[in-house]
Amino acid sequence: MNTSVQKVPISAFVIAKNERHKIDECIASLSFVDEIVVVDDFSDDGTPERCAELGCRVISNQFTSFSNQKKFAMQATHNNWVLEIDADERISPTLMQAISALGSADFEKFDGFAFRRLTRFWGKWIRHSSLYPDYKVRLYHKGRGEWNNVRVHEHFKTRGPVLRIPYDILHCQDLDLKTYTQRTMRYAELSAEDLYDRGRRSHWYCFLRPVHMIFLRYVIRLGFLDGVQGAAIAAMGGFGTFYKYFRLFELERVQYQAANKQR
């Protein structure tokens, strides 16, 4: 990395909805950037007021999808280079140093930079179970790519090369079991709808995927080394896969029945 040239300005953006209890640490970890934009989905817990107190530029915008909200937030930033971070994430001190060490030559050569994401689940940092190292492109030039058009697992796709930087975004996902289950079901349903829209259909072997997912996370990806947290992550991965493909099957049935009624 080239540290001898002038610093390139970076904007950071965060999308939020009732994140008052966790936003302080997120914003504090962005102290090295030149601008912080928070796009808030009309929170009623004081999130926008607190972000304004912390020096962020706060914009209210109705949530329609993750990709639309993040695209809106990205476009609201003033600088070409943007750092994307979620409200339950923090930039680690080592990653902060690595980003600060990037020079203009690095920003000219690459269209984006990917970082590892280290997840904390039920009080433990998870280093296996398919969750680590989980490289995500989170620093990119907003004019050199586009957002993928999906309901879930949205990301900005750069047109040019991406450099992997082996330092961590800290993902503080200490969800209780009920919240974890609800979130898994929500994401699985959105994934099923994406599959259906792309013309994917269920087949008999799709229903073996939940078993495969559990085996992959717990055995192949060494989830057993993460203790009870690894077992929970593997089980929830299997449940989410089950829900996704059976929801896809259900969408097909609804469409089939609607078509028959029209005959």
Protein backbone atom coordinates (compact mmCIF):
# COMPACT_ATOMS: atom_id res chain seq x y z
CA MET A 1 0.00 0.00 0.00
CA ASN A 2 1.24 3.44 -0.93
CA THR A 3 1.35 5.82 2.03
CA SER A 4 3.42 8.59 0.49
CA VAL A 5 0.67 10.31 -1.52
CA GLN A 6 -2.20 12.57 -0.64
CA LYS A 7 -5.12 11.03 1.24
CA VAL A 8 -8.25 10.29 -0.79
CA PRO A 9 -11.45 11.51 0.91
CA ILE A 10 -13.87 8.79 2.01
CA SER A 11 -17.54 8.96 2.97
CA ALA A 12 -19.18 6.30 5.13
CA PHE A 13 -22.86 5.43 5.11
CA VAL A 14 -25.09 3.50 7.49
CA ILE A 15 -28.73 2.52 7.10
CA ALA A 16 -30.66 2.37 10.37
CA LYS A 17 -34.00 1.52 11.94
CA ASN A 18 -34.29 1.81 15.74
CA GLU A 19 -30.56 1.28 16.35
CA ARG A 20 -30.16 3.74 19.25
CA HIS A 21 -28.74 1.07 21.57
CA LYS A 22 -25.86 0.17 19.25
CA ILE A 23 -25.19 3.14 16.97
CA ASP A 24 -22.64 4.92 19.20
CA GLU A 25 -19.94 2.26 18.79
CA CYS A 26 -20.58 2.02 15.06
CA ILE A 27 -20.18 5.77 14.53
CA ALA A 28 -17.15 5.96 16.85
CA SER A 29 -15.33 3.38 14.70
CA LEU A 30 -15.74 5.68 11.66
CA SER A 31 -13.82 8.59 13.17
CA PHE A 32 -11.17 8.40 10.43
CA VAL A 33 -13.50 9.09 7.48
CA ASP A 34 -14.36 12.51 6.07
CA GLU A 35 -18.15 12.22 6.14
CA ILE A 36 -20.75 9.96 7.76
CA VAL A 37 -24.24 9.71 6.28
CA VAL A 38 -26.98 7.88 8.18
CA VAL A 39 -30.17 7.03 6.28
CA ASP A 40 -32.88 6.34 8.83
CA ASP A 41 -36.15 4.51 8.22
CA PHE A 42 -38.21 6.77 10.50
CA SER A 43 -36.96 5.33 13.78
CA ASP A 44 -38.97 6.09 16.92
CA ASP A 45 -36.26 5.31 19.49
CA GLY A 46 -34.13 8.43 19.08
CA THR A 47 -31.69 6.99 16.52
CA PRO A 48 -31.67 9.99 14.13
CA GLU A 49 -31.33 12.50 16.97
CA ARG A 50 -28.41 10.58 18.46
CA CYS A 51 -26.67 10.29 15.08
CA ALA A 52 -27.01 14.03 14.59
CA GLU A 53 -25.48 14.59 18.03
CA LEU A 54 -22.54 12.43 16.94
CA GLY A 55 -21.91 14.68 13.93
CA CYS A 56 -23.51 12.56 11.22
CA ARG A 57 -25.61 13.88 8.38
CA VAL A 58 -29.00 12.21 8.87
CA ILE A 59 -31.54 11.67 6.10
CA SER A 60 -34.95 10.04 6.55
CA ASN A 61 -36.04 7.64 3.82
CA GLN A 62 -38.75 4.98 3.73
CA PHE A 63 -37.33 1.45 3.53
CA THR A 64 -38.41 -0.56 0.49
CA SER A 65 -35.52 -3.02 0.20
CA PHE A 66 -31.96 -3.34 1.49
CA SER A 67 -30.44 -2.68 -1.93
CA ASN A 68 -32.66 0.38 -2.56
CA GLN A 69 -31.92 1.83 0.86
CA LYS A 70 -28.17 1.34 0.52
CA LYS A 71 -28.19 2.71 -3.00
CA PHE A 72 -30.02 5.79 -1.75
CA ALA A 73 -27.51 6.22 1.07
CA MET A 74 -24.54 5.78 -1.26
CA GLN A 75 -25.85 8.39 -3.66
CA ALA A 76 -26.36 10.83 -0.78
CA THR A 77 -22.65 10.86 0.03
CA HIS A 78 -20.44 13.67 -1.25
CA ASN A 79 -17.24 11.71 -2.01
CA ASN A 80 -16.62 9.17 -4.76
CA TRP A 81 -15.14 6.60 -2.39
CA VAL A 82 -17.63 5.22 0.10
CA LEU A 83 -17.36 2.87 3.04
CA GLU A 84 -20.46 0.77 3.70
CA ILE A 85 -21.13 -0.43 7.24
CA ASP A 86 -24.17 -1.77 9.09
CA ALA A 87 -25.34 -0.43 12.43
CA ASP A 88 -24.29 -3.63 14.23
CA GLU A 89 -20.79 -3.51 12.73
CA ARG A 90 -17.61 -1.69 13.75
CA ILE A 91 -14.35 -1.02 11.95
CA SER A 92 -11.61 -2.71 13.98
CA PRO A 93 -8.55 -0.60 14.96
CA THR A 94 -6.29 -2.66 12.67
CA LEU A 95 -8.64 -2.24 9.73
CA MET A 96 -8.88 1.49 10.43
CA GLN A 97 -5.09 1.71 10.18
CA ALA A 98 -5.05 -0.34 6.96
CA ILE A 99 -7.65 1.87 5.29
CA SER A 100 -5.89 5.03 6.44
CA ALA A 101 -2.66 3.70 4.92
CA LEU A 102 -4.18 3.47 1.43
CA GLY A 103 -2.83 6.06 -0.98
CA SER A 104 -4.08 7.52 -4.26
CA ALA A 105 -2.17 4.89 -6.24
CA ASP A 106 -4.18 2.16 -4.49
CA PHE A 107 -7.45 3.92 -5.23
CA GLU A 108 -6.48 4.30 -8.89
CA LYS A 109 -5.48 0.65 -9.28
CA PHE A 110 -8.51 -0.91 -7.58
CA ASP A 111 -12.23 -0.23 -7.81
CA GLY A 112 -12.94 -1.69 -4.40
CA PHE A 113 -11.48 -3.21 -1.24
CA ALA A 114 -12.79 -6.27 0.57
CA PHE A 115 -12.39 -6.93 4.29
CA ARG A 116 -12.96 -9.94 6.50
CA ARG A 117 -16.08 -9.89 8.66
CA LEU A 118 -15.75 -11.40 12.12
CA THR A 119 -19.09 -12.18 13.74
CA ARG A 120 -19.79 -12.27 17.46
CA PHE A 121 -22.66 -14.61 18.28
CA TRP A 122 -23.95 -15.31 21.79
CA GLY A 123 -20.86 -13.64 23.25
CA LYS A 124 -18.29 -15.56 21.18
CA TRP A 125 -16.29 -14.53 18.13
CA ILE A 126 -17.02 -17.16 15.46
CA ARG A 127 -13.97 -18.23 13.46
CA HIS A 128 -15.45 -21.24 11.66
CA SER A 129 -18.98 -22.39 10.68
CA SER A 130 -18.73 -20.75 7.20
CA LEU A 131 -18.78 -17.31 8.84
CA TYR A 132 -15.05 -16.54 8.79
CA PRO A 133 -13.17 -15.30 6.93
CA ASP A 134 -16.21 -13.76 5.30
CA TYR A 135 -14.75 -11.23 2.84
CA LYS A 136 -17.08 -8.37 1.92
CA VAL A 137 -16.48 -5.53 -0.56
CA ARG A 138 -17.27 -2.54 1.65
CA LEU A 139 -15.01 0.25 0.37
CA TYR A 140 -15.57 1.11 -3.27
CA HIS A 141 -15.79 3.87 -5.87
CA LYS A 142 -19.48 4.51 -6.36
CA GLY A 143 -19.01 5.35 -10.04
CA ARG A 144 -17.26 2.09 -10.91
CA GLY A 145 -19.98 -0.47 -10.41
CA GLU A 146 -23.62 -1.04 -9.54
CA TRP A 147 -25.89 -2.69 -6.98
CA ASN A 148 -27.17 -6.17 -7.69
CA ASN A 149 -30.94 -6.33 -8.03
CA VAL A 150 -31.90 -8.74 -5.25
CA ARG A 151 -34.09 -8.59 -2.14
CA VAL A 152 -31.47 -10.01 0.23
CA HIS A 153 -27.67 -10.52 0.24
CA GLU A 154 -27.38 -7.25 -1.63
CA HIS A 155 -23.95 -5.93 -2.52
CA PHE A 156 -22.21 -3.42 -4.74
CA LYS A 157 -20.56 -5.10 -7.73
CA THR A 158 -17.45 -3.31 -8.96
CA ARG A 159 -16.50 -3.42 -12.60
CA GLY A 160 -12.75 -3.54 -11.95
CA PRO A 161 -10.37 -5.36 -9.62
CA VAL A 162 -10.87 -5.65 -5.87
CA LEU A 163 -8.08 -5.93 -3.30
CA ARG A 164 -8.59 -8.16 -0.27
CA ILE A 165 -7.26 -6.61 2.93
CA PRO A 166 -6.93 -9.23 5.73
CA TYR A 167 -8.33 -7.18 8.61
CA ASP A 168 -11.72 -7.33 10.25
CA ILE A 169 -15.05 -5.61 10.29
CA LEU A 170 -16.48 -6.60 13.68
CA HIS A 171 -20.06 -7.85 13.34
CA CYS A 172 -21.71 -7.73 16.79
CA GLN A 173 -24.64 -10.05 16.13
CA ASP A 174 -25.66 -11.09 19.64
CA LEU A 175 -29.21 -12.07 18.70
CA ASP A 176 -31.49 -14.00 21.00
CA LEU A 177 -32.92 -17.23 19.59
CA LYS A 178 -36.33 -15.76 18.75
CA THR A 179 -34.86 -12.80 16.87
CA TYR A 180 -32.33 -15.06 15.10
CA THR A 181 -35.13 -17.38 13.97
CA GLN A 182 -37.32 -14.52 12.77
CA ARG A 183 -34.47 -12.96 10.84
CA THR A 184 -33.56 -16.32 9.27
CA MET A 185 -37.16 -16.82 8.14
CA ARG A 186 -37.34 -13.31 6.72
CA TYR A 187 -34.13 -13.69 4.73
CA ALA A 188 -35.11 -17.18 3.54
CA GLU A 189 -38.44 -15.90 2.27
CA LEU A 190 -36.78 -13.04 0.40
CA SER A 191 -34.25 -15.47 -1.08
CA ALA A 192 -37.07 -17.76 -2.25
CA GLU A 193 -38.77 -14.84 -3.97
CA ASP A 194 -35.50 -13.92 -5.69
CA LEU A 195 -35.07 -17.52 -6.88
CA TYR A 196 -38.63 -17.60 -8.20
CA ASP A 197 -38.22 -14.31 -10.06
CA ARG A 198 -35.05 -15.65 -11.71
CA GLY A 199 -36.91 -18.71 -12.97
CA ARG A 200 -35.48 -21.20 -10.48
CA ARG A 201 -37.82 -24.01 -9.56
CA SER A 202 -37.74 -26.63 -6.82
CA HIS A 203 -36.66 -30.21 -7.55
CA TRP A 204 -36.58 -33.28 -5.35
CA TYR A 205 -32.88 -32.85 -4.60
CA CYS A 206 -33.46 -29.32 -3.31
CA PHE A 207 -34.97 -30.85 -0.20
CA LEU A 208 -31.65 -32.50 0.62
CA ARG A 209 -30.01 -29.10 0.83
CA PRO A 210 -30.89 -28.48 4.51
CA VAL A 211 -29.01 -31.64 5.53
CA HIS A 212 -26.10 -30.62 3.31
CA MET A 213 -26.03 -27.14 4.87
CA ILE A 214 -25.87 -28.52 8.42
CA PHE A 215 -23.09 -30.96 7.48
CA LEU A 216 -21.20 -28.24 5.60
CA ARG A 217 -21.24 -25.73 8.45
CA TYR A 218 -20.75 -28.10 11.35
CA VAL A 219 -18.32 -30.64 9.89
CA ILE A 220 -16.66 -29.39 6.70
CA ARG A 221 -16.36 -25.78 7.90
CA LEU A 222 -15.40 -26.92 11.43
CA GLY A 223 -18.42 -25.46 13.21
CA PHE A 224 -17.94 -27.97 16.02
CA LEU A 225 -14.89 -25.94 17.06
CA ASP A 226 -17.21 -23.01 17.81
CA GLY A 227 -18.99 -24.98 20.53
CA VAL A 228 -22.72 -24.59 21.15
CA GLN A 229 -22.70 -21.43 19.03
CA GLY A 230 -21.41 -23.47 16.08
CA ALA A 231 -24.16 -26.02 16.56
CA ALA A 232 -26.78 -23.27 16.63
CA ILE A 233 -25.37 -21.63 13.48
CA ALA A 234 -25.35 -24.96 11.63
CA ALA A 235 -28.88 -25.82 12.72
CA MET A 236 -30.19 -22.38 11.78
CA GLY A 237 -28.46 -22.64 8.40
CA GLY A 238 -30.28 -25.91 7.79
CA PHE A 239 -33.59 -24.42 8.92
CA GLY A 240 -33.15 -21.37 6.69
CA THR A 241 -32.35 -23.57 3.70
CA PHE A 242 -35.40 -25.73 4.43
CA TYR A 243 -37.62 -22.66 4.68
CA LYS A 244 -36.23 -21.14 1.47
CA TYR A 245 -36.82 -24.15 -0.77
CA PHE A 246 -40.18 -25.11 0.67
CA ARG A 247 -41.27 -21.48 0.28
CA LEU A 248 -40.11 -21.67 -3.34
CA PHE A 249 -42.23 -24.82 -3.74
CA GLU A 250 -45.17 -22.97 -2.18
CA LEU A 251 -44.79 -20.05 -4.57
CA GLU A 252 -44.88 -22.50 -7.48
CA ARG A 253 -48.08 -24.11 -6.14
CA VAL A 254 -49.79 -20.74 -5.76
CA GLN A 255 -48.89 -19.80 -9.33
CA TYR A 256 -49.99 -23.21 -10.63
CA GLN A 257 -53.35 -22.99 -8.85
CA ALA A 258 -53.91 -19.43 -10.10
CA ALA A 259 -53.17 -20.52 -13.68
CA ASN A 260 -55.63 -23.44 -13.43
CA LYS A 261 -58.41 -21.15 -12.18
CA GLN A 262 -58.03 -18.98 -15.25
CA ARG A 263 -58.59 -21.92 -17.60
